Amino acid sequence: MQTNHILPLLKIGELHWADNLRKFLLKYDIITQGISIHEESTLITFGFGDEIRLFYKHFGATDSAEFMYYLRKPTEIEWLHESNTHQHLL
């Protein structure tokens, strides 16, 4: 038996998108969690687009491999200015 999963939103940022997605994920026992204000301000500072910033704000700390795929938690992001990599590029 095949199940069709239809996401309850068309675009991040639309009216009630986060609540609708949260309710949808609860049907599959995926508990969602957003990131802290500090982590969100870091994303804003380093130029994440509005849609990805909003996604992280509401769902960035969600602990579900099925839902988050390979999206890194904000604490796992290595910013180029803080890494040794950028020194090799100069």
N, C-alpha and C. Protein backbone atom coordinates (compact mmCIF):
# COMPACT_ATOMS: atom_id res chain seq x y z
N MET A 1 0.84 -1.18 0.00
CA MET A 1 0.00 0.00 0.00
C MET A 1 0.89 1.24 0.00
N GLN A 2 0.71 2.08 -0.97
CA GLN A 2 1.52 3.29 -1.11
C GLN A 2 0.78 4.47 -0.49
N THR A 3 1.52 5.28 0.27
CA THR A 3 0.94 6.46 0.89
C THR A 3 1.50 7.69 0.20
N ASN A 4 0.62 8.60 -0.17
CA ASN A 4 1.06 9.87 -0.75
C ASN A 4 1.16 10.90 0.37
N HIS A 5 2.32 11.49 0.51
CA HIS A 5 2.53 12.52 1.51
C HIS A 5 2.45 13.87 0.81
N ILE A 6 1.52 14.68 1.23
CA ILE A 6 1.36 16.01 0.63
C ILE A 6 1.68 17.04 1.71
N LEU A 7 2.73 17.81 1.47
CA LEU A 7 3.11 18.84 2.43
C LEU A 7 2.03 19.92 2.49
N PRO A 8 1.74 20.40 3.68
CA PRO A 8 0.65 21.37 3.86
C PRO A 8 1.05 22.82 3.60
N LEU A 9 2.01 23.04 2.71
CA LEU A 9 2.41 24.40 2.39
C LEU A 9 2.99 24.43 0.99
N LEU A 10 2.93 25.59 0.40
CA LEU A 10 3.53 25.79 -0.92
C LEU A 10 4.87 26.49 -0.82
N LYS A 11 5.01 27.35 0.21
CA LYS A 11 6.21 28.17 0.31
C LYS A 11 6.47 28.54 1.76
N ILE A 12 7.72 28.49 2.15
CA ILE A 12 8.10 28.96 3.48
C ILE A 12 7.80 30.46 3.54
N GLY A 13 7.16 30.86 4.62
CA GLY A 13 6.82 32.26 4.80
C GLY A 13 5.36 32.57 4.54
N GLU A 14 4.65 31.64 3.89
CA GLU A 14 3.23 31.89 3.67
C GLU A 14 2.48 31.83 5.01
N LEU A 15 1.27 32.30 5.04
CA LEU A 15 0.47 32.38 6.25
C LEU A 15 0.36 31.01 6.92
N HIS A 16 0.73 30.93 8.18
CA HIS A 16 0.64 29.72 9.02
C HIS A 16 1.48 28.55 8.53
N TRP A 17 2.50 28.79 7.73
CA TRP A 17 3.29 27.69 7.16
C TRP A 17 3.95 26.85 8.25
N ALA A 18 4.52 27.49 9.28
CA ALA A 18 5.23 26.75 10.32
C ALA A 18 4.27 25.89 11.14
N ASP A 19 3.13 26.45 11.51
CA ASP A 19 2.14 25.68 12.27
C ASP A 19 1.61 24.51 11.46
N ASN A 20 1.33 24.75 10.19
CA ASN A 20 0.82 23.67 9.33
C ASN A 20 1.85 22.55 9.17
N LEU A 21 3.11 22.91 8.99
CA LEU A 21 4.15 21.90 8.84
C LEU A 21 4.37 21.16 10.16
N ARG A 22 4.32 21.88 11.27
CA ARG A 22 4.49 21.25 12.58
C ARG A 22 3.38 20.21 12.82
N LYS A 23 2.14 20.57 12.52
CA LYS A 23 1.01 19.64 12.69
C LYS A 23 1.17 18.41 11.78
N PHE A 24 1.61 18.64 10.57
CA PHE A 24 1.83 17.55 9.63
C PHE A 24 2.88 16.58 10.16
N LEU A 25 4.00 17.11 10.66
CA LEU A 25 5.07 16.27 11.17
C LEU A 25 4.67 15.51 12.43
N LEU A 26 3.81 16.10 13.24
CA LEU A 26 3.34 15.40 14.43
C LEU A 26 2.57 14.13 14.08
N LYS A 27 1.92 14.12 12.92
CA LYS A 27 1.22 12.90 12.48
C LYS A 27 2.19 11.74 12.33
N TYR A 28 3.45 12.03 12.08
CA TYR A 28 4.49 11.01 11.90
C TYR A 28 5.40 10.93 13.12
N ASP A 29 4.93 11.45 14.25
CA ASP A 29 5.67 11.43 15.51
C ASP A 29 7.03 12.13 15.43
N ILE A 30 7.12 13.16 14.61
CA ILE A 30 8.33 13.97 14.54
C ILE A 30 8.09 15.24 15.36
N ILE A 31 8.80 15.33 16.47
CA ILE A 31 8.68 16.49 17.35
C ILE A 31 9.63 17.56 16.83
N THR A 32 9.09 18.73 16.56
CA THR A 32 9.90 19.80 15.98
C THR A 32 10.40 20.74 17.06
N GLN A 33 11.54 21.35 16.76
CA GLN A 33 12.12 22.31 17.68
C GLN A 33 12.88 23.35 16.88
N GLY A 34 12.69 24.61 17.24
CA GLY A 34 13.41 25.69 16.58
C GLY A 34 14.76 25.94 17.24
N ILE A 35 15.47 26.90 16.71
CA ILE A 35 16.78 27.26 17.25
C ILE A 35 16.64 28.43 18.22
N SER A 36 17.70 28.69 18.95
CA SER A 36 17.68 29.79 19.92
C SER A 36 17.78 31.13 19.20
N ILE A 37 17.45 32.18 19.92
CA ILE A 37 17.56 33.54 19.39
C ILE A 37 19.00 33.84 18.99
N HIS A 38 19.96 33.40 19.80
CA HIS A 38 21.38 33.63 19.48
C HIS A 38 21.77 32.95 18.17
N GLU A 39 21.36 31.69 18.00
CA GLU A 39 21.67 30.98 16.76
C GLU A 39 21.00 31.65 15.57
N GLU A 40 19.77 32.11 15.76
CA GLU A 40 19.08 32.79 14.66
C GLU A 40 19.80 34.08 14.28
N SER A 41 20.25 34.84 15.27
CA SER A 41 20.94 36.10 14.95
C SER A 41 22.24 35.84 14.21
N THR A 42 22.89 34.70 14.48
CA THR A 42 24.10 34.33 13.74
C THR A 42 23.77 34.06 12.28
N LEU A 43 22.66 33.39 12.04
CA LEU A 43 22.27 33.12 10.65
C LEU A 43 21.97 34.41 9.91
N ILE A 44 21.35 35.36 10.58
CA ILE A 44 21.03 36.64 9.95
C ILE A 44 22.32 37.38 9.60
N THR A 45 23.26 37.40 10.54
CA THR A 45 24.52 38.11 10.35
C THR A 45 25.28 37.61 9.13
N PHE A 46 25.24 36.31 8.89
CA PHE A 46 26.04 35.76 7.81
C PHE A 46 25.27 35.54 6.53
N GLY A 47 24.16 36.25 6.36
CA GLY A 47 23.52 36.35 5.07
C GLY A 47 22.71 35.17 4.60
N PHE A 48 22.19 34.34 5.51
CA PHE A 48 21.26 33.30 5.08
C PHE A 48 20.02 34.00 4.55
N GLY A 49 19.45 33.47 3.48
CA GLY A 49 18.24 34.06 2.92
C GLY A 49 17.08 33.94 3.89
N ASP A 50 16.05 34.74 3.69
CA ASP A 50 14.91 34.75 4.60
C ASP A 50 14.25 33.39 4.73
N GLU A 51 14.10 32.67 3.63
CA GLU A 51 13.40 31.39 3.70
C GLU A 51 14.18 30.37 4.53
N ILE A 52 15.46 30.24 4.31
CA ILE A 52 16.24 29.27 5.06
C ILE A 52 16.38 29.71 6.52
N ARG A 53 16.48 31.01 6.77
CA ARG A 53 16.53 31.51 8.14
C ARG A 53 15.23 31.18 8.88
N LEU A 54 14.09 31.39 8.23
CA LEU A 54 12.81 31.06 8.85
C LEU A 54 12.68 29.57 9.11
N PHE A 55 13.17 28.77 8.17
CA PHE A 55 13.12 27.33 8.36
C PHE A 55 13.93 26.93 9.58
N TYR A 56 15.16 27.43 9.69
CA TYR A 56 16.00 27.13 10.84
C TYR A 56 15.34 27.64 12.13
N LYS A 57 14.76 28.84 12.08
CA LYS A 57 14.14 29.42 13.27
C LYS A 57 13.09 28.48 13.85
N HIS A 58 12.29 27.89 13.00
CA HIS A 58 11.19 27.05 13.47
C HIS A 58 11.54 25.57 13.58
N PHE A 59 12.48 25.08 12.77
CA PHE A 59 12.73 23.65 12.70
C PHE A 59 14.20 23.25 12.78
N GLY A 60 15.10 24.19 12.96
CA GLY A 60 16.53 23.92 12.89
C GLY A 60 17.11 23.01 13.95
N ALA A 61 16.42 22.84 15.07
CA ALA A 61 16.92 21.95 16.12
C ALA A 61 16.13 20.65 16.16
N THR A 62 15.35 20.39 15.14
CA THR A 62 14.57 19.16 15.07
C THR A 62 15.51 17.98 14.92
N ASP A 63 15.31 16.98 15.74
CA ASP A 63 16.19 15.81 15.73
C ASP A 63 15.50 14.67 14.98
N SER A 64 15.52 14.73 13.66
CA SER A 64 14.88 13.71 12.84
C SER A 64 15.62 13.59 11.52
N ALA A 65 16.34 12.50 11.33
CA ALA A 65 17.09 12.30 10.09
C ALA A 65 16.14 12.22 8.89
N GLU A 66 14.97 11.64 9.09
CA GLU A 66 14.01 11.51 7.99
C GLU A 66 13.52 12.88 7.51
N PHE A 67 13.36 13.80 8.44
CA PHE A 67 12.84 15.12 8.08
C PHE A 67 13.94 16.08 7.69
N MET A 68 15.05 16.10 8.42
CA MET A 68 16.08 17.11 8.22
C MET A 68 17.11 16.73 7.16
N TYR A 69 17.14 15.48 6.74
CA TYR A 69 18.11 14.98 5.76
C TYR A 69 19.52 15.37 6.20
N TYR A 70 20.23 16.14 5.41
CA TYR A 70 21.61 16.48 5.73
C TYR A 70 21.77 17.94 6.14
N LEU A 71 20.69 18.55 6.58
CA LEU A 71 20.76 19.94 7.03
C LEU A 71 21.50 19.99 8.36
N ARG A 72 22.52 20.80 8.43
CA ARG A 72 23.34 20.88 9.65
C ARG A 72 22.65 21.76 10.69
N LYS A 73 22.87 21.41 11.94
CA LYS A 73 22.41 22.26 13.03
C LYS A 73 23.27 23.53 13.04
N PRO A 74 22.71 24.66 13.43
CA PRO A 74 23.49 25.91 13.42
C PRO A 74 24.81 25.81 14.18
N THR A 75 24.85 25.02 15.25
CA THR A 75 26.09 24.88 16.02
C THR A 75 27.14 24.07 15.28
N GLU A 76 26.74 23.34 14.24
CA GLU A 76 27.67 22.52 13.46
C GLU A 76 28.20 23.25 12.22
N ILE A 77 27.63 24.40 11.92
CA ILE A 77 28.06 25.15 10.74
C ILE A 77 29.42 25.77 11.02
N GLU A 78 30.35 25.54 10.14
CA GLU A 78 31.67 26.16 10.28
C GLU A 78 31.74 27.35 9.33
N TRP A 79 31.74 28.53 9.90
CA TRP A 79 31.76 29.74 9.09
C TRP A 79 33.14 29.90 8.47
N LEU A 80 33.18 30.32 7.24
CA LEU A 80 34.43 30.45 6.51
C LEU A 80 35.40 31.38 7.24
N HIS A 81 34.91 32.48 7.79
CA HIS A 81 35.81 33.42 8.46
C HIS A 81 36.42 32.84 9.73
N GLU A 82 35.82 31.77 10.28
CA GLU A 82 36.36 31.15 11.49
C GLU A 82 37.16 29.89 11.20
N SER A 83 37.20 29.47 9.97
CA SER A 83 37.89 28.22 9.65
C SER A 83 39.31 28.48 9.17
N ASN A 84 40.08 27.44 9.10
CA ASN A 84 41.44 27.55 8.56
C ASN A 84 41.42 27.51 7.04
N THR A 85 40.29 27.08 6.46
CA THR A 85 40.18 26.94 5.02
C THR A 85 40.41 28.26 4.29
N HIS A 86 39.84 29.34 4.81
CA HIS A 86 39.92 30.62 4.10
C HIS A 86 41.37 31.09 4.00
N GLN A 87 42.22 30.73 4.94
CA GLN A 87 43.62 31.16 4.87
C GLN A 87 44.32 30.53 3.66
N HIS A 88 43.90 29.33 3.30
CA HIS A 88 44.50 28.66 2.15
C HIS A 88 44.00 29.24 0.83
N LEU A 89 42.86 29.93 0.91
CA LEU A 89 42.28 30.48 -0.31
C LEU A 89 42.87 31.85 -0.64
N LEU A 90 43.47 32.49 0.34
CA LEU A 90 43.99 33.85 0.11
C LEU A 90 45.31 33.85 -0.61
